[in-house]
Amino acid sequence: MKTDFKQCLSGFDHIKRYWDRGRDSVVAKILPGEVYVTKQNELISTVLGSCISACVYDYKMGIGGMNHFMLPANNNAGIDSLSCRYGNWAMEFLINEIIKNGGSRDNFKIKIFGGGKIIKGMGDIGEGNIMFVSQYLKNEGFLVESHDVGGPWPRKVLFNPTSGKAHVKKLRSMHNDTIQQREFKYLHEIEEQDTHTDIELF
């Protein structure tokens, strides 16, 4: 097993990282409410349902990261470990951490994924997340380089911030008409099924 991981940036040592033998790469796996920023040639991975991930990178400096937020905004929330569940906190934190570690807003390129409607009987949380992140980026003067949002699919995303390449795998929905589960539990079950369409490159 490969164990010679390079030290991650300060503040991100709580993020789970592992060696993916098939991809010959370190992978940092983020969960809902988490953010990861890196200067290394490693991948960031997450699984999305109605949640959104923004992949932001400085294409000149080779630094970038990914967030994973569950709801658009909460302007009344205090800054705590749960803040990045909300899009306004997750976007600000991701952008500020990239800049703090040497990135420049002028060089940012951004890719957006997620926002699916995957659970029957729930409101379209994904659409609200898509609208939020689109408006946020417009207000901040950022253009979206590429995106894959909406639809009925959960998605698995792999992003390399040093190259800007993102791979998206659409997962087949599992229909569950019993009592609604929390989305992260639902998505974990979907990921365990490992049924998917072809991988798309963005």
N, C-alpha and C. Protein backbone atom coordinates (compact mmCIF):
# COMPACT_ATOMS: atom_id res chain seq x y z
N MET A 1 0.85 -1.19 0.00
CA MET A 1 0.00 0.00 0.00
C MET A 1 0.89 1.24 0.00
N LYS A 2 0.46 2.23 -0.79
CA LYS A 2 1.21 3.47 -0.88
C LYS A 2 0.89 4.33 0.34
N THR A 3 1.88 4.79 1.05
CA THR A 3 1.62 5.55 2.27
C THR A 3 2.38 6.87 2.32
N ASP A 4 3.20 7.16 1.31
CA ASP A 4 4.04 8.35 1.36
C ASP A 4 3.26 9.58 0.89
N PHE A 5 2.18 9.92 1.59
CA PHE A 5 1.40 11.10 1.27
C PHE A 5 2.20 12.35 1.61
N LYS A 6 2.11 13.35 0.77
CA LYS A 6 2.66 14.65 1.12
C LYS A 6 1.72 15.33 2.10
N GLN A 7 2.27 16.19 2.93
CA GLN A 7 1.46 16.89 3.92
C GLN A 7 0.42 17.76 3.23
N CYS A 8 -0.82 17.71 3.71
CA CYS A 8 -1.86 18.55 3.13
C CYS A 8 -1.70 19.98 3.66
N LEU A 9 -2.41 20.91 3.05
CA LEU A 9 -2.36 22.29 3.48
C LEU A 9 -2.94 22.42 4.89
N SER A 10 -2.48 23.43 5.60
CA SER A 10 -2.93 23.67 6.97
C SER A 10 -4.45 23.85 7.01
N GLY A 11 -5.06 23.17 7.95
CA GLY A 11 -6.50 23.30 8.12
C GLY A 11 -7.31 22.21 7.46
N PHE A 12 -6.64 21.32 6.71
CA PHE A 12 -7.37 20.29 5.96
C PHE A 12 -6.96 18.87 6.36
N ASP A 13 -6.27 18.75 7.49
CA ASP A 13 -5.80 17.42 7.88
C ASP A 13 -6.92 16.53 8.42
N HIS A 14 -8.12 17.08 8.61
CA HIS A 14 -9.25 16.26 9.05
C HIS A 14 -9.94 15.54 7.89
N ILE A 15 -9.61 15.93 6.65
CA ILE A 15 -10.23 15.32 5.47
C ILE A 15 -9.62 13.94 5.22
N LYS A 16 -10.47 12.97 4.99
CA LYS A 16 -10.00 11.61 4.73
C LYS A 16 -9.30 11.55 3.37
N ARG A 17 -8.06 11.02 3.38
CA ARG A 17 -7.30 10.83 2.14
C ARG A 17 -6.82 9.39 2.07
N TYR A 18 -6.80 8.86 0.87
CA TYR A 18 -6.37 7.48 0.70
C TYR A 18 -5.69 7.31 -0.66
N TRP A 19 -4.93 6.21 -0.77
CA TRP A 19 -4.26 5.91 -2.02
C TRP A 19 -5.18 5.05 -2.89
N ASP A 20 -5.49 5.55 -4.09
CA ASP A 20 -6.32 4.81 -5.05
C ASP A 20 -5.38 4.13 -6.04
N ARG A 21 -5.23 2.83 -5.88
CA ARG A 21 -4.29 2.08 -6.71
C ARG A 21 -4.69 2.13 -8.18
N GLY A 22 -6.01 2.06 -8.45
CA GLY A 22 -6.47 2.05 -9.83
C GLY A 22 -6.17 3.35 -10.56
N ARG A 23 -6.23 4.45 -9.83
CA ARG A 23 -5.96 5.77 -10.44
C ARG A 23 -4.53 6.22 -10.20
N ASP A 24 -3.77 5.44 -9.42
CA ASP A 24 -2.38 5.76 -9.11
C ASP A 24 -2.27 7.19 -8.55
N SER A 25 -3.14 7.48 -7.58
CA SER A 25 -3.22 8.84 -7.07
C SER A 25 -3.75 8.85 -5.64
N VAL A 26 -3.35 9.86 -4.90
CA VAL A 26 -3.98 10.15 -3.63
C VAL A 26 -5.35 10.76 -3.92
N VAL A 27 -6.37 10.35 -3.16
CA VAL A 27 -7.71 10.91 -3.30
C VAL A 27 -8.15 11.45 -1.95
N ALA A 28 -8.60 12.70 -1.94
CA ALA A 28 -9.20 13.29 -0.74
C ALA A 28 -10.71 13.21 -0.91
N LYS A 29 -11.38 12.55 0.00
CA LYS A 29 -12.83 12.35 -0.11
C LYS A 29 -13.55 13.32 0.81
N ILE A 30 -14.37 14.21 0.23
CA ILE A 30 -15.10 15.16 1.05
C ILE A 30 -16.56 14.76 1.17
N LEU A 31 -17.13 15.06 2.33
CA LEU A 31 -18.52 14.77 2.66
C LEU A 31 -19.32 16.07 2.65
N PRO A 32 -20.65 15.98 2.73
CA PRO A 32 -21.46 17.20 2.80
C PRO A 32 -20.98 18.13 3.90
N GLY A 33 -20.82 19.40 3.57
CA GLY A 33 -20.36 20.39 4.53
C GLY A 33 -18.86 20.53 4.61
N GLU A 34 -18.12 19.78 3.78
CA GLU A 34 -16.66 19.85 3.82
C GLU A 34 -16.09 20.56 2.60
N VAL A 35 -14.86 21.03 2.76
CA VAL A 35 -14.10 21.73 1.71
C VAL A 35 -12.68 21.18 1.75
N TYR A 36 -12.05 21.08 0.58
CA TYR A 36 -10.65 20.67 0.54
C TYR A 36 -9.93 21.48 -0.53
N VAL A 37 -8.75 21.98 -0.17
CA VAL A 37 -7.92 22.77 -1.08
C VAL A 37 -6.53 22.15 -1.11
N THR A 38 -5.91 22.10 -2.29
CA THR A 38 -4.60 21.48 -2.42
C THR A 38 -3.76 22.13 -3.51
N LYS A 39 -2.44 22.01 -3.34
CA LYS A 39 -1.48 22.39 -4.38
C LYS A 39 -0.86 21.16 -5.03
N GLN A 40 -1.24 19.99 -4.53
CA GLN A 40 -0.62 18.75 -4.97
C GLN A 40 -1.37 18.14 -6.15
N ASN A 41 -0.67 17.25 -6.84
CA ASN A 41 -1.28 16.52 -7.94
C ASN A 41 -2.07 15.34 -7.35
N GLU A 42 -3.21 15.65 -6.77
CA GLU A 42 -4.07 14.65 -6.17
C GLU A 42 -5.52 14.92 -6.57
N LEU A 43 -6.38 13.96 -6.34
CA LEU A 43 -7.78 14.08 -6.71
C LEU A 43 -8.62 14.41 -5.49
N ILE A 44 -9.72 15.12 -5.73
CA ILE A 44 -10.73 15.34 -4.71
C ILE A 44 -12.00 14.66 -5.20
N SER A 45 -12.63 13.90 -4.32
CA SER A 45 -13.79 13.11 -4.70
C SER A 45 -14.97 13.41 -3.79
N THR A 46 -16.18 13.36 -4.35
CA THR A 46 -17.40 13.43 -3.55
C THR A 46 -18.55 12.82 -4.33
N VAL A 47 -19.65 12.55 -3.64
CA VAL A 47 -20.87 12.05 -4.27
C VAL A 47 -21.98 13.03 -3.99
N LEU A 48 -22.70 13.43 -5.03
CA LEU A 48 -23.71 14.48 -4.94
C LEU A 48 -25.09 13.99 -5.33
N GLY A 49 -26.08 14.49 -4.60
CA GLY A 49 -27.47 14.30 -5.01
C GLY A 49 -28.02 15.68 -5.32
N SER A 50 -28.82 16.24 -4.40
CA SER A 50 -29.30 17.61 -4.57
C SER A 50 -28.23 18.62 -4.19
N CYS A 51 -27.18 18.16 -3.53
CA CYS A 51 -26.08 19.05 -3.14
C CYS A 51 -25.32 19.55 -4.37
N ILE A 52 -24.54 20.59 -4.16
CA ILE A 52 -23.69 21.18 -5.20
C ILE A 52 -22.23 21.11 -4.76
N SER A 53 -21.36 20.83 -5.71
CA SER A 53 -19.92 21.03 -5.52
C SER A 53 -19.42 22.03 -6.53
N ALA A 54 -18.70 23.02 -6.04
CA ALA A 54 -17.98 23.94 -6.91
C ALA A 54 -16.53 23.52 -6.93
N CYS A 55 -15.98 23.35 -8.11
CA CYS A 55 -14.56 23.04 -8.30
C CYS A 55 -13.90 24.32 -8.79
N VAL A 56 -13.06 24.90 -7.98
CA VAL A 56 -12.42 26.18 -8.28
C VAL A 56 -10.91 25.98 -8.32
N TYR A 57 -10.27 26.49 -9.39
CA TYR A 57 -8.82 26.36 -9.45
C TYR A 57 -8.18 27.55 -10.15
N ASP A 58 -6.96 27.86 -9.73
CA ASP A 58 -6.13 28.87 -10.37
C ASP A 58 -5.31 28.14 -11.44
N TYR A 59 -5.64 28.37 -12.70
CA TYR A 59 -5.03 27.60 -13.78
C TYR A 59 -3.56 27.94 -14.00
N LYS A 60 -3.10 29.06 -13.46
CA LYS A 60 -1.68 29.41 -13.60
C LYS A 60 -0.83 28.86 -12.45
N MET A 61 -1.39 28.88 -11.24
CA MET A 61 -0.63 28.49 -10.06
C MET A 61 -0.78 27.00 -9.70
N GLY A 62 -1.77 26.33 -10.29
CA GLY A 62 -1.95 24.90 -10.01
C GLY A 62 -2.45 24.63 -8.60
N ILE A 63 -3.31 25.51 -8.10
CA ILE A 63 -3.91 25.31 -6.78
C ILE A 63 -5.42 25.43 -6.92
N GLY A 64 -6.15 24.63 -6.16
CA GLY A 64 -7.60 24.73 -6.22
C GLY A 64 -8.24 23.81 -5.22
N GLY A 65 -9.55 23.72 -5.30
CA GLY A 65 -10.24 22.88 -4.36
C GLY A 65 -11.69 22.66 -4.73
N MET A 66 -12.39 21.96 -3.83
CA MET A 66 -13.79 21.61 -4.04
C MET A 66 -14.54 21.76 -2.73
N ASN A 67 -15.80 22.22 -2.82
CA ASN A 67 -16.66 22.21 -1.66
C ASN A 67 -17.84 21.28 -1.92
N HIS A 68 -18.70 21.11 -0.91
CA HIS A 68 -19.88 20.26 -1.04
C HIS A 68 -20.93 20.83 -0.09
N PHE A 69 -21.87 21.62 -0.65
CA PHE A 69 -22.87 22.22 0.23
C PHE A 69 -24.26 21.66 -0.03
N MET A 70 -25.08 21.68 1.05
CA MET A 70 -26.37 21.01 1.04
C MET A 70 -27.54 21.95 0.80
N LEU A 71 -27.42 23.20 1.22
CA LEU A 71 -28.50 24.18 1.12
C LEU A 71 -27.90 25.51 0.67
N PRO A 72 -28.71 26.36 0.05
CA PRO A 72 -28.16 27.59 -0.54
C PRO A 72 -27.49 28.53 0.45
N ALA A 73 -28.21 29.02 1.45
CA ALA A 73 -27.63 30.05 2.30
C ALA A 73 -28.30 30.10 3.65
N ASN A 74 -27.54 30.52 4.65
CA ASN A 74 -28.06 30.80 5.97
C ASN A 74 -27.28 31.98 6.51
N ASN A 75 -27.87 33.16 6.35
CA ASN A 75 -27.17 34.38 6.74
C ASN A 75 -27.13 34.58 8.25
N ASN A 76 -27.90 33.79 8.98
CA ASN A 76 -27.94 33.93 10.42
C ASN A 76 -27.02 32.94 11.14
N ALA A 77 -26.41 32.03 10.35
CA ALA A 77 -25.57 30.99 10.98
C ALA A 77 -24.26 31.59 11.48
N GLY A 78 -23.82 31.10 12.61
CA GLY A 78 -22.50 31.48 13.10
C GLY A 78 -21.44 30.66 12.39
N ILE A 79 -20.20 31.08 12.54
CA ILE A 79 -19.11 30.34 11.91
C ILE A 79 -18.75 29.17 12.82
N ASP A 80 -19.07 27.98 12.39
CA ASP A 80 -18.74 26.78 13.15
C ASP A 80 -18.48 25.64 12.18
N SER A 81 -18.33 24.45 12.72
CA SER A 81 -17.97 23.31 11.87
C SER A 81 -19.05 22.93 10.89
N LEU A 82 -20.27 23.45 11.09
CA LEU A 82 -21.39 23.12 10.20
C LEU A 82 -21.66 24.20 9.16
N SER A 83 -20.93 25.33 9.23
CA SER A 83 -21.23 26.47 8.36
C SER A 83 -21.21 26.11 6.88
N CYS A 84 -20.27 25.27 6.47
CA CYS A 84 -20.10 24.99 5.05
C CYS A 84 -21.14 24.02 4.49
N ARG A 85 -22.13 23.68 5.31
CA ARG A 85 -23.31 23.01 4.75
C ARG A 85 -24.08 23.97 3.86
N TYR A 86 -23.86 25.27 4.07
CA TYR A 86 -24.58 26.31 3.34
C TYR A 86 -23.71 26.91 2.25
N GLY A 87 -24.34 27.16 1.11
CA GLY A 87 -23.60 27.60 -0.06
C GLY A 87 -22.83 28.89 0.13
N ASN A 88 -23.44 29.87 0.82
CA ASN A 88 -22.74 31.15 0.97
C ASN A 88 -21.45 30.98 1.77
N TRP A 89 -21.48 30.18 2.83
CA TRP A 89 -20.26 29.93 3.61
C TRP A 89 -19.28 29.06 2.82
N ALA A 90 -19.80 28.02 2.16
CA ALA A 90 -18.93 27.08 1.44
C ALA A 90 -18.18 27.76 0.31
N MET A 91 -18.84 28.66 -0.41
CA MET A 91 -18.19 29.36 -1.51
C MET A 91 -17.14 30.34 -0.99
N GLU A 92 -17.49 31.11 0.03
CA GLU A 92 -16.54 32.07 0.59
C GLU A 92 -15.30 31.37 1.15
N PHE A 93 -15.53 30.29 1.88
CA PHE A 93 -14.41 29.57 2.49
C PHE A 93 -13.48 28.99 1.44
N LEU A 94 -14.05 28.36 0.41
CA LEU A 94 -13.24 27.77 -0.65
C LEU A 94 -12.41 28.82 -1.36
N ILE A 95 -13.03 29.89 -1.76
CA ILE A 95 -12.33 30.96 -2.49
C ILE A 95 -11.24 31.58 -1.62
N ASN A 96 -11.57 31.88 -0.36
CA ASN A 96 -10.59 32.51 0.52
C ASN A 96 -9.40 31.62 0.81
N GLU A 97 -9.65 30.31 0.96
CA GLU A 97 -8.54 29.39 1.23
C GLU A 97 -7.61 29.26 0.02
N ILE A 98 -8.16 29.28 -1.17
CA ILE A 98 -7.31 29.22 -2.37
C ILE A 98 -6.44 30.47 -2.46
N ILE A 99 -7.05 31.63 -2.21
CA ILE A 99 -6.29 32.88 -2.25
C ILE A 99 -5.23 32.90 -1.15
N LYS A 100 -5.61 32.46 0.05
CA LYS A 100 -4.68 32.44 1.19
C LYS A 100 -3.45 31.59 0.90
N ASN A 101 -3.63 30.57 0.08
CA ASN A 101 -2.53 29.65 -0.23
C ASN A 101 -1.85 29.94 -1.57
N GLY A 102 -2.07 31.15 -2.10
CA GLY A 102 -1.29 31.58 -3.26
C GLY A 102 -2.05 31.74 -4.55
N GLY A 103 -3.35 31.46 -4.57
CA GLY A 103 -4.14 31.62 -5.79
C GLY A 103 -4.58 33.05 -6.00
N SER A 104 -5.00 33.37 -7.21
CA SER A 104 -5.47 34.70 -7.56
C SER A 104 -6.85 34.63 -8.20
N ARG A 105 -7.75 35.48 -7.75
CA ARG A 105 -9.10 35.51 -8.32
C ARG A 105 -9.07 35.71 -9.84
N ASP A 106 -8.09 36.47 -10.31
CA ASP A 106 -8.01 36.77 -11.75
C ASP A 106 -7.75 35.53 -12.59
N ASN A 107 -7.20 34.49 -11.96
CA ASN A 107 -6.86 33.26 -12.69
C ASN A 107 -7.85 32.12 -12.44
N PHE A 108 -8.93 32.40 -11.71
CA PHE A 108 -9.84 31.33 -11.34
C PHE A 108 -10.62 30.78 -12.54
N LYS A 109 -10.75 29.47 -12.58
CA LYS A 109 -11.70 28.80 -13.45
C LYS A 109 -12.58 27.93 -12.55
N ILE A 110 -13.86 27.83 -12.93
CA ILE A 110 -14.84 27.21 -12.04
C ILE A 110 -15.71 26.21 -12.79
N LYS A 111 -15.92 25.06 -12.16
CA LYS A 111 -16.80 24.04 -12.69
C LYS A 111 -17.82 23.69 -11.60
N ILE A 112 -19.06 23.45 -12.02
CA ILE A 112 -20.15 23.23 -11.06
C ILE A 112 -20.84 21.91 -11.37
N PHE A 113 -21.11 21.14 -10.29
CA PHE A 113 -21.75 19.83 -10.46
C PHE A 113 -22.80 19.60 -9.37
N GLY A 114 -23.79 18.76 -9.70
CA GLY A 114 -24.79 18.34 -8.73
C GLY A 114 -26.15 18.97 -8.96
N GLY A 115 -26.88 19.15 -7.88
CA GLY A 115 -28.20 19.77 -7.97
C GLY A 115 -29.27 18.87 -8.56
N GLY A 116 -29.13 17.55 -8.39
CA GLY A 116 -30.12 16.63 -8.93
C GLY A 116 -31.37 16.55 -8.07
N LYS A 117 -32.45 16.06 -8.66
CA LYS A 117 -33.67 15.77 -7.90
C LYS A 117 -33.76 14.26 -7.81
N ILE A 118 -33.32 13.70 -6.68
CA ILE A 118 -33.10 12.26 -6.63
C ILE A 118 -34.03 11.51 -5.70
N ILE A 119 -34.74 12.23 -4.83
CA ILE A 119 -35.60 11.55 -3.87
C ILE A 119 -37.04 11.95 -4.10
N LYS A 120 -37.90 11.00 -4.37
CA LYS A 120 -39.31 11.28 -4.60
C LYS A 120 -39.94 11.88 -3.35
N GLY A 121 -40.86 12.82 -3.59
CA GLY A 121 -41.60 13.39 -2.48
C GLY A 121 -40.92 14.56 -1.81
N MET A 122 -39.69 14.84 -2.19
CA MET A 122 -39.00 16.01 -1.63
C MET A 122 -39.13 17.18 -2.58
N GLY A 123 -39.10 18.38 -2.04
CA GLY A 123 -39.07 19.56 -2.90
C GLY A 123 -37.80 19.57 -3.71
N ASP A 124 -37.74 20.43 -4.72
CA ASP A 124 -36.58 20.45 -5.59
C ASP A 124 -35.46 21.30 -4.97
N ILE A 125 -34.83 20.70 -3.97
CA ILE A 125 -33.72 21.37 -3.29
C ILE A 125 -32.59 21.64 -4.27
N GLY A 126 -32.36 20.68 -5.17
CA GLY A 126 -31.28 20.82 -6.14
C GLY A 126 -31.41 22.05 -7.00
N GLU A 127 -32.63 22.33 -7.44
CA GLU A 127 -32.85 23.52 -8.28
C GLU A 127 -32.52 24.79 -7.52
N GLY A 128 -32.90 24.82 -6.23
CA GLY A 128 -32.55 25.98 -5.40
C GLY A 128 -31.06 26.14 -5.26
N ASN A 129 -30.34 25.03 -5.13
CA ASN A 129 -28.89 25.09 -5.03
C ASN A 129 -28.25 25.58 -6.32
N ILE A 130 -28.79 25.12 -7.46
CA ILE A 130 -28.27 25.56 -8.76
C ILE A 130 -28.47 27.06 -8.93
N MET A 131 -29.68 27.53 -8.59
CA MET A 131 -29.98 28.96 -8.73
C MET A 131 -29.07 29.78 -7.82
N PHE A 132 -28.85 29.30 -6.61
CA PHE A 132 -27.98 30.03 -5.69
C PHE A 132 -26.57 30.17 -6.24
N VAL A 133 -25.96 29.05 -6.62
CA VAL A 133 -24.56 29.10 -7.02
C VAL A 133 -24.39 29.89 -8.31
N SER A 134 -25.37 29.82 -9.21
CA SER A 134 -25.29 30.60 -10.46
C SER A 134 -25.32 32.09 -10.15
N GLN A 135 -26.22 32.50 -9.26
CA GLN A 135 -26.32 33.91 -8.91
C GLN A 135 -25.11 34.38 -8.13
N TYR A 136 -24.62 33.54 -7.23
CA TYR A 136 -23.43 33.89 -6.44
C TYR A 136 -22.25 34.17 -7.36
N LEU A 137 -21.99 33.27 -8.30
CA LEU A 137 -20.85 33.44 -9.20
C LEU A 137 -21.02 34.66 -10.10
N LYS A 138 -22.25 34.91 -10.53
CA LYS A 138 -22.52 36.10 -11.34
C LYS A 138 -22.24 37.37 -10.54
N ASN A 139 -22.71 37.39 -9.29
CA ASN A 139 -22.49 38.56 -8.44
C ASN A 139 -21.01 38.80 -8.17
N GLU A 140 -20.23 37.71 -8.09
CA GLU A 140 -18.80 37.82 -7.81
C GLU A 140 -17.97 38.06 -9.07
N GLY A 141 -18.62 38.03 -10.23
CA GLY A 141 -17.92 38.29 -11.49
C GLY A 141 -17.17 37.09 -12.04
N PHE A 142 -17.54 35.88 -11.62
CA PHE A 142 -16.90 34.66 -12.11
C PHE A 142 -17.72 34.02 -13.23
N LEU A 143 -17.04 33.48 -14.21
CA LEU A 143 -17.68 32.71 -15.26
C LEU A 143 -17.52 31.23 -14.97
N VAL A 144 -18.53 30.45 -15.35
CA VAL A 144 -18.47 29.00 -15.17
C VAL A 144 -17.87 28.38 -16.42
N GLU A 145 -16.76 27.69 -16.24
CA GLU A 145 -16.06 27.07 -17.36
C GLU A 145 -16.85 25.89 -17.93
N SER A 146 -17.40 25.07 -17.04
CA SER A 146 -18.23 23.94 -17.46
C SER A 146 -19.10 23.51 -16.29
N HIS A 147 -20.15 22.76 -16.58
CA HIS A 147 -21.05 22.34 -15.51
C HIS A 147 -21.82 21.10 -15.94
N ASP A 148 -22.30 20.38 -14.95
CA ASP A 148 -23.21 19.25 -15.16
C ASP A 148 -24.14 19.24 -13.95
N VAL A 149 -25.33 19.82 -14.12
CA VAL A 149 -26.24 20.02 -13.00
C VAL A 149 -27.66 19.57 -13.37
N GLY A 150 -28.48 19.36 -12.33
CA GLY A 150 -29.87 19.02 -12.53
C GLY A 150 -30.07 17.56 -12.92
N GLY A 151 -31.28 17.24 -13.36
CA GLY A 151 -31.60 15.89 -13.77
C GLY A 151 -31.89 14.99 -12.58
N PRO A 152 -32.23 13.73 -12.83
CA PRO A 152 -32.62 12.81 -11.75
C PRO A 152 -31.48 11.97 -11.19
N TRP A 153 -30.23 12.32 -11.53
CA TRP A 153 -29.11 11.43 -11.18
C TRP A 153 -28.30 11.95 -10.00
N PRO A 154 -27.91 11.07 -9.11
CA PRO A 154 -26.77 11.36 -8.24
C PRO A 154 -25.50 11.32 -9.10
N ARG A 155 -24.47 11.95 -8.63
CA ARG A 155 -23.21 12.02 -9.38
C ARG A 155 -22.02 11.75 -8.46
N LYS A 156 -21.04 11.06 -8.99
CA LYS A 156 -19.75 10.96 -8.33
C LYS A 156 -18.78 11.84 -9.11
N VAL A 157 -18.09 12.72 -8.41
CA VAL A 157 -17.18 13.68 -9.05
C VAL A 157 -15.76 13.44 -8.58
N LEU A 158 -14.83 13.44 -9.53
CA LEU A 158 -13.40 13.40 -9.24
C LEU A 158 -12.77 14.62 -9.90
N PHE A 159 -12.05 15.41 -9.12
CA PHE A 159 -11.50 16.67 -9.62
C PHE A 159 -10.03 16.76 -9.28
N ASN A 160 -9.21 17.14 -10.27
CA ASN A 160 -7.79 17.38 -10.05
C ASN A 160 -7.53 18.89 -10.15
N PRO A 161 -7.33 19.57 -9.02
CA PRO A 161 -7.17 21.02 -9.05
C PRO A 161 -5.92 21.51 -9.76
N THR A 162 -4.88 20.68 -9.85
CA THR A 162 -3.66 21.14 -10.52
C THR A 162 -3.82 21.17 -12.03
N SER A 163 -4.66 20.29 -12.57
CA SER A 163 -4.89 20.27 -14.02
C SER A 163 -6.22 20.87 -14.41
N GLY A 164 -7.16 20.91 -13.46
CA GLY A 164 -8.50 21.41 -13.75
C GLY A 164 -9.43 20.36 -14.33
N LYS A 165 -8.96 19.13 -14.50
CA LYS A 165 -9.81 18.10 -15.08
C LYS A 165 -10.79 17.54 -14.05
N ALA A 166 -12.03 17.37 -14.48
CA ALA A 166 -13.06 16.79 -13.63
C ALA A 166 -13.71 15.63 -14.36
N HIS A 167 -13.88 14.52 -13.67
CA HIS A 167 -14.59 13.36 -14.20
C HIS A 167 -15.88 13.19 -13.42
N VAL A 168 -16.98 13.00 -14.14
CA VAL A 168 -18.29 12.84 -13.51
C VAL A 168 -18.90 11.52 -13.94
N LYS A 169 -19.36 10.77 -12.94
CA LYS A 169 -20.03 9.50 -13.19
C LYS A 169 -21.47 9.62 -12.69
N LYS A 170 -22.43 9.53 -13.59
CA LYS A 170 -23.83 9.59 -13.19
C LYS A 170 -24.24 8.23 -12.64
N LEU A 171 -24.79 8.23 -11.44
CA LEU A 171 -25.20 7.00 -10.78
C LEU A 171 -26.70 6.78 -10.99
N ARG A 172 -27.09 5.54 -11.15
CA ARG A 172 -28.50 5.24 -11.32
C ARG A 172 -29.24 5.39 -10.00
N SER A 173 -30.40 6.04 -10.06
CA SER A 173 -31.18 6.29 -8.85
C SER A 173 -31.70 4.99 -8.26
N MET A 174 -31.76 4.97 -6.94
CA MET A 174 -32.42 3.88 -6.22
C MET A 174 -33.73 4.44 -5.71
N HIS A 175 -34.84 3.81 -6.05
CA HIS A 175 -36.14 4.32 -5.63
C HIS A 175 -36.50 3.76 -4.27
N ASN A 176 -36.79 4.63 -3.36
CA ASN A 176 -37.13 4.23 -2.00
C ASN A 176 -38.33 5.04 -1.57
N ASP A 177 -39.50 4.40 -1.46
CA ASP A 177 -40.73 5.10 -1.13
C ASP A 177 -41.08 5.00 0.35
N THR A 178 -40.15 4.49 1.17
CA THR A 178 -40.38 4.44 2.61
C THR A 178 -40.09 5.81 3.20
N ILE A 179 -39.99 5.87 4.52
CA ILE A 179 -39.72 7.15 5.18
C ILE A 179 -38.43 7.74 4.63
N GLN A 180 -38.49 9.03 4.32
CA GLN A 180 -37.35 9.68 3.68
C GLN A 180 -36.11 9.62 4.58
N GLN A 181 -35.02 9.27 3.95
CA GLN A 181 -33.75 9.19 4.67
C GLN A 181 -32.98 10.48 4.46
N ARG A 182 -32.05 10.72 5.34
CA ARG A 182 -31.15 11.84 5.11
C ARG A 182 -30.38 11.59 3.83
N GLU A 183 -30.13 12.65 3.10
CA GLU A 183 -29.54 12.47 1.78
C GLU A 183 -28.17 11.82 1.83
N PHE A 184 -27.35 12.15 2.79
CA PHE A 184 -26.01 11.56 2.78
C PHE A 184 -26.07 10.05 2.96
N LYS A 185 -27.07 9.56 3.74
CA LYS A 185 -27.22 8.12 3.92
C LYS A 185 -27.68 7.48 2.62
N TYR A 186 -28.61 8.14 1.97
CA TYR A 186 -29.13 7.67 0.69
C TYR A 186 -28.00 7.59 -0.34
N LEU A 187 -27.19 8.64 -0.39
CA LEU A 187 -26.11 8.67 -1.37
C LEU A 187 -25.06 7.62 -1.07
N HIS A 188 -24.81 7.36 0.21
CA HIS A 188 -23.86 6.31 0.56
C HIS A 188 -24.33 4.97 0.03
N GLU A 189 -25.63 4.71 0.15
CA GLU A 189 -26.18 3.45 -0.33
C GLU A 189 -26.07 3.36 -1.85
N ILE A 190 -26.30 4.48 -2.52
CA ILE A 190 -26.17 4.50 -3.98
C ILE A 190 -24.74 4.20 -4.39
N GLU A 191 -23.79 4.84 -3.70
CA GLU A 191 -22.37 4.64 -4.03
C GLU A 191 -21.97 3.19 -3.83
N GLU A 192 -22.52 2.56 -2.79
CA GLU A 192 -22.19 1.17 -2.52
C GLU A 192 -22.69 0.25 -3.64
N GLN A 193 -23.78 0.65 -4.31
CA GLN A 193 -24.32 -0.16 -5.40
C GLN A 193 -23.38 -0.18 -6.60
N ASP A 194 -22.68 0.95 -6.80
CA ASP A 194 -21.70 1.08 -7.88
C ASP A 194 -22.29 0.76 -9.24
N THR A 195 -23.53 1.19 -9.47
CA THR A 195 -24.15 1.11 -10.79
C THR A 195 -24.08 2.50 -11.39
N HIS A 196 -23.71 2.60 -12.64
CA HIS A 196 -23.43 3.94 -13.18
C HIS A 196 -23.49 3.93 -14.70
N THR A 197 -23.53 5.16 -15.22
CA THR A 197 -23.35 5.35 -16.65
C THR A 197 -21.88 5.60 -16.91
N ASP A 198 -21.54 5.89 -18.15
CA ASP A 198 -20.14 6.14 -18.48
C ASP A 198 -19.65 7.42 -17.81
N ILE A 199 -18.35 7.47 -17.60
CA ILE A 199 -17.72 8.64 -17.03
C ILE A 199 -17.63 9.74 -18.09
N GLU A 200 -17.96 10.96 -17.69
CA GLU A 200 -17.85 12.12 -18.58
C GLU A 200 -16.73 13.01 -18.09
N LEU A 201 -16.02 13.61 -19.01
CA LEU A 201 -14.90 14.49 -18.70
C LEU A 201 -15.33 15.94 -18.88
N PHE A 202 -15.05 16.78 -17.88
CA PHE A 202 -15.41 18.20 -17.95
C PHE A 202 -14.17 19.05 -17.73
